[in-house]
């Protein structure tokens, strides 16, 4: 046992090195994509809860086709949607999360025809081929993203937002409350309501 009244430089240095290492590993998961994205569009990684994932899948019931998850993180929404029959693409710029999702897909036997994970900035990608969209982003980007989606998505598209709704968009339905609330938006209805034709 170490005496309480003496300094222990090795213990202090080891503790400092451990904390610095933990911060470094944490920043690899949260921050790599931030270098390429304008400041106002930065969104940190925050995984969906089990309830959020279940709510999203409930709001997508009865739908089929191609699904894009914008900022797919560790891929949990993509895996859930792929198991429900969607052809999914997860957009992620954080290479650590992308590697994790791709590895999990290989490990669990999810084929590329069911789900793919791409290292692409969805802000610079044409999303017009997707008729289902899931987003769990920060409130500060939702209005800008809304304009992009209204411009690019087909009329039959459904967008499901988790935790943060699109401002000014009338929702088709909503499930949950508080941090687990999700909203479904049908693009045709949103365009009609907002006067976007």
C-alpha atoms as a PDB file:
ATOM      1  CA  UNK A   1       0.000   0.000   0.000  1.00  0.00           C
ATOM      2  CA  UNK A   2       1.216   3.507  -0.843  1.00  0.00           C
ATOM      3  CA  UNK A   3       1.593   6.060   1.943  1.00  0.00           C
ATOM      4  CA  UNK A   4      -1.049   8.806   1.673  1.00  0.00           C
ATOM      5  CA  UNK A   5       1.282  11.690   2.437  1.00  0.00           C
ATOM      6  CA  UNK A   6       3.858  11.130  -0.352  1.00  0.00           C
ATOM      7  CA  UNK A   7       3.678  11.978  -4.036  1.00  0.00           C
ATOM      8  CA  UNK A   8       3.918   9.068  -6.451  1.00  0.00           C
ATOM      9  CA  UNK A   9       5.181  10.346  -9.806  1.00  0.00           C
ATOM     10  CA  UNK A  10       4.892   6.964 -11.543  1.00  0.00           C
ATOM     11  CA  UNK A  11       1.271   6.545 -10.457  1.00  0.00           C
ATOM     12  CA  UNK A  12       0.460  10.126 -11.450  1.00  0.00           C
ATOM     13  CA  UNK A  13       2.133   9.733 -14.861  1.00  0.00           C
ATOM     14  CA  UNK A  14       0.428   6.390 -15.471  1.00  0.00           C
ATOM     15  CA  UNK A  15      -2.985   7.808 -14.599  1.00  0.00           C
ATOM     16  CA  UNK A  16      -2.394  10.789 -16.889  1.00  0.00           C
ATOM     17  CA  UNK A  17      -1.278   8.527 -19.740  1.00  0.00           C
ATOM     18  CA  UNK A  18      -4.326   6.286 -19.278  1.00  0.00           C
ATOM     19  CA  UNK A  19      -6.753   9.220 -19.320  1.00  0.00           C
ATOM     20  CA  UNK A  20      -5.036  10.732 -22.375  1.00  0.00           C
ATOM     21  CA  UNK A  21      -5.253   7.375 -24.168  1.00  0.00           C
ATOM     22  CA  UNK A  22      -8.956   7.007 -23.343  1.00  0.00           C
ATOM     23  CA  UNK A  23      -9.608  10.511 -24.653  1.00  0.00           C
ATOM     24  CA  UNK A  24      -7.709   9.655 -27.846  1.00  0.00           C
ATOM     25  CA  UNK A  25      -9.780   6.508 -28.444  1.00  0.00           C
ATOM     26  CA  UNK A  26     -13.003   8.394 -27.703  1.00  0.00           C
ATOM     27  CA  UNK A  27     -12.091  11.152 -30.170  1.00  0.00           C
ATOM     28  CA  UNK A  28     -11.450   8.581 -32.919  1.00  0.00           C
ATOM     29  CA  UNK A  29     -15.103   7.550 -32.703  1.00  0.00           C
ATOM     30  CA  UNK A  30     -16.659  10.965 -32.242  1.00  0.00           C
ATOM     31  CA  UNK A  31     -14.581  13.444 -34.188  1.00  0.00           C
ATOM     32  CA  UNK A  32     -12.870  12.127 -37.392  1.00  0.00           C
ATOM     33  CA  UNK A  33     -15.558  13.316 -39.774  1.00  0.00           C
ATOM     34  CA  UNK A  34     -15.559  16.826 -38.325  1.00  0.00           C
ATOM     35  CA  UNK A  35     -12.493  17.865 -40.313  1.00  0.00           C
ATOM     36  CA  UNK A  36     -14.368  17.753 -43.641  1.00  0.00           C
ATOM     37  CA  UNK A  37     -17.755  19.153 -42.685  1.00  0.00           C
ATOM     38  CA  UNK A  38     -18.526  22.881 -42.335  1.00  0.00           C
ATOM     39  CA  UNK A  39     -18.889  23.943 -38.715  1.00  0.00           C
ATOM     40  CA  UNK A  40     -22.629  24.544 -38.886  1.00  0.00           C
ATOM     41  CA  UNK A  41     -23.282  20.987 -40.159  1.00  0.00           C
ATOM     42  CA  UNK A  42     -21.200  19.017 -37.652  1.00  0.00           C
ATOM     43  CA  UNK A  43     -22.995  16.224 -35.817  1.00  0.00           C
ATOM     44  CA  UNK A  44     -21.358  14.045 -33.122  1.00  0.00           C
ATOM     45  CA  UNK A  45     -21.946  10.304 -32.919  1.00  0.00           C
ATOM     46  CA  UNK A  46     -24.811   9.390 -30.639  1.00  0.00           C
ATOM     47  CA  UNK A  47     -26.145   5.833 -30.998  1.00  0.00           C
ATOM     48  CA  UNK A  48     -29.850   5.113 -31.262  1.00  0.00           C
ATOM     49  CA  UNK A  49     -31.399   3.424 -28.264  1.00  0.00           C
ATOM     50  CA  UNK A  50     -33.262   0.131 -28.592  1.00  0.00           C
ATOM     51  CA  UNK A  51     -36.585   1.986 -28.194  1.00  0.00           C
ATOM     52  CA  UNK A  52     -35.653   4.504 -30.889  1.00  0.00           C
ATOM     53  CA  UNK A  53     -34.751   1.699 -33.287  1.00  0.00           C
ATOM     54  CA  UNK A  54     -38.045  -0.092 -32.591  1.00  0.00           C
ATOM     55  CA  UNK A  55     -40.001   3.143 -33.111  1.00  0.00           C
ATOM     56  CA  UNK A  56     -38.289   3.805 -36.434  1.00  0.00           C
ATOM     57  CA  UNK A  57     -39.039   0.306 -37.667  1.00  0.00           C
ATOM     58  CA  UNK A  58     -42.678   0.674 -36.574  1.00  0.00           C
ATOM     59  CA  UNK A  59     -42.969   3.891 -38.614  1.00  0.00           C
ATOM     60  CA  UNK A  60     -41.549   2.078 -41.653  1.00  0.00           C
ATOM     61  CA  UNK A  61     -43.965  -0.870 -41.431  1.00  0.00           C
ATOM     62  CA  UNK A  62     -45.585  -1.768 -44.743  1.00  0.00           C
ATOM     63  CA  UNK A  63     -42.934   0.011 -46.779  1.00  0.00           C
ATOM     64  CA  UNK A  64     -40.311  -1.507 -49.069  1.00  0.00           C
ATOM     65  CA  UNK A  65     -37.515  -0.351 -51.315  1.00  0.00           C
ATOM     66  CA  UNK A  66     -34.263   1.474 -50.801  1.00  0.00           C
ATOM     67  CA  UNK A  67     -33.421   3.035 -47.451  1.00  0.00           C
ATOM     68  CA  UNK A  68     -30.648   5.480 -46.596  1.00  0.00           C
ATOM     69  CA  UNK A  69     -29.520   6.088 -43.029  1.00  0.00           C
ATOM     70  CA  UNK A  70     -27.817   9.468 -42.889  1.00  0.00           C
ATOM     71  CA  UNK A  71     -24.968   9.302 -40.397  1.00  0.00           C
ATOM     72  CA  UNK A  72     -25.348   5.572 -39.817  1.00  0.00           C
ATOM     73  CA  UNK A  73     -22.808   5.363 -36.987  1.00  0.00           C
ATOM     74  CA  UNK A  74     -22.374   1.756 -35.848  1.00  0.00           C
ATOM     75  CA  UNK A  75     -25.062   0.581 -38.280  1.00  0.00           C
ATOM     76  CA  UNK A  76     -27.762  -0.520 -35.863  1.00  0.00           C
ATOM     77  CA  UNK A  77     -30.602   1.117 -37.841  1.00  0.00           C
ATOM     78  CA  UNK A  78     -29.255  -0.253 -41.118  1.00  0.00           C
ATOM     79  CA  UNK A  79     -29.114  -3.787 -39.695  1.00  0.00           C
ATOM     80  CA  UNK A  80     -32.668  -3.506 -38.338  1.00  0.00           C
ATOM     81  CA  UNK A  81     -33.996  -2.211 -41.658  1.00  0.00           C
ATOM     82  CA  UNK A  82     -32.087  -4.825 -43.673  1.00  0.00           C
ATOM     83  CA  UNK A  83     -33.604  -7.591 -41.543  1.00  0.00           C
ATOM     84  CA  UNK A  84     -37.049  -6.124 -42.376  1.00  0.00           C
ATOM     85  CA  UNK A  85     -36.372  -6.459 -46.116  1.00  0.00           C
ATOM     86  CA  UNK A  86     -35.098  -3.004 -47.065  1.00  0.00           C
ATOM     87  CA  UNK A  87     -32.111  -2.553 -49.366  1.00  0.00           C
ATOM     88  CA  UNK A  88     -30.031  -0.262 -47.159  1.00  0.00           C
ATOM     89  CA  UNK A  89     -27.176   2.179 -47.485  1.00  0.00           C
ATOM     90  CA  UNK A  90     -25.532   3.644 -44.417  1.00  0.00           C
ATOM     91  CA  UNK A  91     -23.776   6.970 -45.007  1.00  0.00           C
ATOM     92  CA  UNK A  92     -20.959   7.552 -42.523  1.00  0.00           C
ATOM     93  CA  UNK A  93     -17.817   9.700 -42.644  1.00  0.00           C
ATOM     94  CA  UNK A  94     -16.284   8.502 -39.382  1.00  0.00           C
ATOM     95  CA  UNK A  95     -13.874   5.796 -40.523  1.00  0.00           C
ATOM     96  CA  UNK A  96     -13.829   4.023 -37.141  1.00  0.00           C
ATOM     97  CA  UNK A  97     -17.617   3.661 -37.050  1.00  0.00           C
ATOM     98  CA  UNK A  98     -17.638   2.718 -40.737  1.00  0.00           C
ATOM     99  CA  UNK A  99     -15.059  -0.022 -40.138  1.00  0.00           C
ATOM    100  CA  UNK A 100     -17.058  -1.306 -37.171  1.00  0.00           C
ATOM    101  CA  UNK A 101     -20.323  -1.439 -39.176  1.00  0.00           C
ATOM    102  CA  UNK A 102     -18.662  -3.126 -42.160  1.00  0.00           C
ATOM    103  CA  UNK A 103     -16.981  -5.655 -39.883  1.00  0.00           C
ATOM    104  CA  UNK A 104     -20.234  -6.417 -38.102  1.00  0.00           C
ATOM    105  CA  UNK A 105     -21.972  -6.892 -41.456  1.00  0.00           C
ATOM    106  CA  UNK A 106     -19.320  -9.415 -42.541  1.00  0.00           C
ATOM    107  CA  UNK A 107     -19.334 -11.134 -39.164  1.00  0.00           C
ATOM    108  CA  UNK A 108     -23.131 -11.517 -39.057  1.00  0.00           C
ATOM    109  CA  UNK A 109     -23.473 -12.515 -42.721  1.00  0.00           C
ATOM    110  CA  UNK A 110     -25.334  -9.430 -43.943  1.00  0.00           C
ATOM    111  CA  UNK A 111     -24.745  -9.343 -47.694  1.00  0.00           C
ATOM    112  CA  UNK A 112     -24.024  -6.190 -49.733  1.00  0.00           C
ATOM    113  CA  UNK A 113     -27.384  -6.655 -51.468  1.00  0.00           C
ATOM    114  CA  UNK A 114     -29.038  -6.182 -48.045  1.00  0.00           C
ATOM    115  CA  UNK A 115     -26.845  -3.447 -46.597  1.00  0.00           C
ATOM    116  CA  UNK A 116     -23.813  -1.432 -47.589  1.00  0.00           C
ATOM    117  CA  UNK A 117     -21.904   1.164 -45.643  1.00  0.00           C
ATOM    118  CA  UNK A 118     -20.283   3.955 -47.628  1.00  0.00           C
ATOM    119  CA  UNK A 119     -17.784   6.607 -46.633  1.00  0.00           C
ATOM    120  CA  UNK A 120     -19.586   9.480 -48.321  1.00  0.00           C
ATOM    121  CA  UNK A 121     -20.723  12.892 -47.248  1.00  0.00           C
ATOM    122  CA  UNK A 122     -24.495  12.718 -47.726  1.00  0.00           C
ATOM    123  CA  UNK A 123     -24.582  16.511 -48.028  1.00  0.00           C
ATOM    124  CA  UNK A 124     -22.791  16.114 -51.365  1.00  0.00           C
ATOM    125  CA  UNK A 125     -24.669  12.989 -52.521  1.00  0.00           C
ATOM    126  CA  UNK A 126     -27.779  12.835 -54.685  1.00  0.00           C
ATOM    127  CA  UNK A 127     -30.376  11.012 -52.555  1.00  0.00           C
ATOM    128  CA  UNK A 128     -33.087  10.825 -55.234  1.00  0.00           C
ATOM    129  CA  UNK A 129     -32.874   7.026 -55.589  1.00  0.00           C
ATOM    130  CA  UNK A 130     -34.046   6.401 -52.011  1.00  0.00           C
ATOM    131  CA  UNK A 131     -37.706   6.153 -51.071  1.00  0.00           C
ATOM    132  CA  UNK A 132     -37.048   5.678 -47.338  1.00  0.00           C
ATOM    133  CA  UNK A 133     -34.759   7.755 -45.174  1.00  0.00           C
ATOM    134  CA  UNK A 134     -33.768   7.630 -41.504  1.00  0.00           C
ATOM    135  CA  UNK A 135     -32.046  10.520 -39.747  1.00  0.00           C
ATOM    136  CA  UNK A 136     -30.798  10.976 -36.205  1.00  0.00           C
ATOM    137  CA  UNK A 137     -28.901  14.222 -36.417  1.00  0.00           C
ATOM    138  CA  UNK A 138     -28.608  17.430 -34.408  1.00  0.00           C
ATOM    139  CA  UNK A 139     -31.399  20.029 -34.306  1.00  0.00           C
ATOM    140  CA  UNK A 140     -29.145  22.658 -35.898  1.00  0.00           C
ATOM    141  CA  UNK A 141     -28.935  20.778 -39.203  1.00  0.00           C
ATOM    142  CA  UNK A 142     -32.547  19.653 -39.585  1.00  0.00           C
ATOM    143  CA  UNK A 143     -33.808  22.721 -41.451  1.00  0.00           C
ATOM    144  CA  UNK A 144     -30.916  22.660 -43.942  1.00  0.00           C
ATOM    145  CA  UNK A 145     -31.335  18.906 -44.402  1.00  0.00           C
ATOM    146  CA  UNK A 146     -35.058  19.397 -44.915  1.00  0.00           C
ATOM    147  CA  UNK A 147     -34.413  21.677 -47.892  1.00  0.00           C
ATOM    148  CA  UNK A 148     -32.052  19.123 -49.427  1.00  0.00           C
ATOM    149  CA  UNK A 149     -34.544  16.282 -48.978  1.00  0.00           C
ATOM    150  CA  UNK A 150     -37.448  18.306 -50.394  1.00  0.00           C
ATOM    151  CA  UNK A 151     -35.356  19.029 -53.473  1.00  0.00           C
ATOM    152  CA  UNK A 152     -34.072  15.485 -54.038  1.00  0.00           C
ATOM    153  CA  UNK A 153     -36.436  12.809 -52.708  1.00  0.00           C
ATOM    154  CA  UNK A 154     -39.238  11.282 -54.801  1.00  0.00           C
ATOM    155  CA  UNK A 155     -42.876  12.027 -53.898  1.00  0.00           C
ATOM    156  CA  UNK A 156     -43.425   8.540 -52.447  1.00  0.00           C
ATOM    157  CA  UNK A 157     -40.505   8.896 -50.002  1.00  0.00           C
ATOM    158  CA  UNK A 158     -40.896   8.637 -46.242  1.00  0.00           C
ATOM    159  CA  UNK A 159     -38.407  10.255 -43.878  1.00  0.00           C
ATOM    160  CA  UNK A 160     -38.196   9.114 -40.265  1.00  0.00           C
ATOM    161  CA  UNK A 161     -36.475  11.474 -37.839  1.00  0.00           C
ATOM    162  CA  UNK A 162     -35.342  10.373 -34.418  1.00  0.00           C
ATOM    163  CA  UNK A 163     -35.329  12.669 -31.370  1.00  0.00           C
ATOM    164  CA  UNK A 164     -35.202  15.917 -33.370  1.00  0.00           C
ATOM    165  CA  UNK A 165     -38.091  16.760 -35.729  1.00  0.00           C
ATOM    166  CA  UNK A 166     -37.890  18.760 -38.930  1.00  0.00           C
ATOM    167  CA  UNK A 167     -39.014  22.306 -38.151  1.00  0.00           C
ATOM    168  CA  UNK A 168     -42.163  23.384 -40.007  1.00  0.00           C
ATOM    169  CA  UNK A 169     -42.773  19.919 -41.513  1.00  0.00           C
ATOM    170  CA  UNK A 170     -46.183  18.350 -40.819  1.00  0.00           C
ATOM    171  CA  UNK A 171     -45.606  14.799 -39.642  1.00  0.00           C
ATOM    172  CA  UNK A 172     -47.598  11.777 -40.793  1.00  0.00           C
ATOM    173  CA  UNK A 173     -47.278  10.049 -37.429  1.00  0.00           C
ATOM    174  CA  UNK A 174     -45.157   9.982 -34.295  1.00  0.00           C
ATOM    175  CA  UNK A 175     -44.245   7.340 -31.726  1.00  0.00           C
ATOM    176  CA  UNK A 176     -42.684   7.658 -28.295  1.00  0.00           C
ATOM    177  CA  UNK A 177     -41.941  10.652 -26.146  1.00  0.00           C
ATOM    178  CA  UNK A 178     -39.007  12.602 -24.838  1.00  0.00           C
ATOM    179  CA  UNK A 179     -35.616  11.374 -26.011  1.00  0.00           C
ATOM    180  CA  UNK A 180     -37.155   8.331 -27.721  1.00  0.00           C
ATOM    181  CA  UNK A 181     -39.686  10.200 -29.857  1.00  0.00           C
ATOM    182  CA  UNK A 182     -39.617   9.583 -33.620  1.00  0.00           C
ATOM    183  CA  UNK A 183     -41.550  11.287 -36.427  1.00  0.00           C
ATOM    184  CA  UNK A 184     -42.526  10.001 -39.878  1.00  0.00           C
ATOM    185  CA  UNK A 185     -42.893  12.435 -42.761  1.00  0.00           C
ATOM    186  CA  UNK A 186     -44.313  11.687 -46.200  1.00  0.00           C
ATOM    187  CA  UNK A 187     -42.530  13.907 -48.703  1.00  0.00           C
ATOM    188  CA  UNK A 188     -45.592  14.415 -50.921  1.00  0.00           C
ATOM    189  CA  UNK A 189     -47.585  15.754 -47.951  1.00  0.00           C
ATOM    190  CA  UNK A 190     -44.718  17.943 -46.758  1.00  0.00           C
ATOM    191  CA  UNK A 191     -44.239  19.448 -50.222  1.00  0.00           C
ATOM    192  CA  UNK A 192     -47.960  20.120 -50.538  1.00  0.00           C
ATOM    193  CA  UNK A 193     -48.178  21.697 -47.081  1.00  0.00           C
ATOM    194  CA  UNK A 194     -45.128  23.931 -47.581  1.00  0.00           C
ATOM    195  CA  UNK A 195     -45.980  24.895 -51.159  1.00  0.00           C
ATOM    196  CA  UNK A 196     -42.985  23.067 -52.689  1.00  0.00           C
ATOM    197  CA  UNK A 197     -44.095  21.612 -55.992  1.00  0.00           C
END
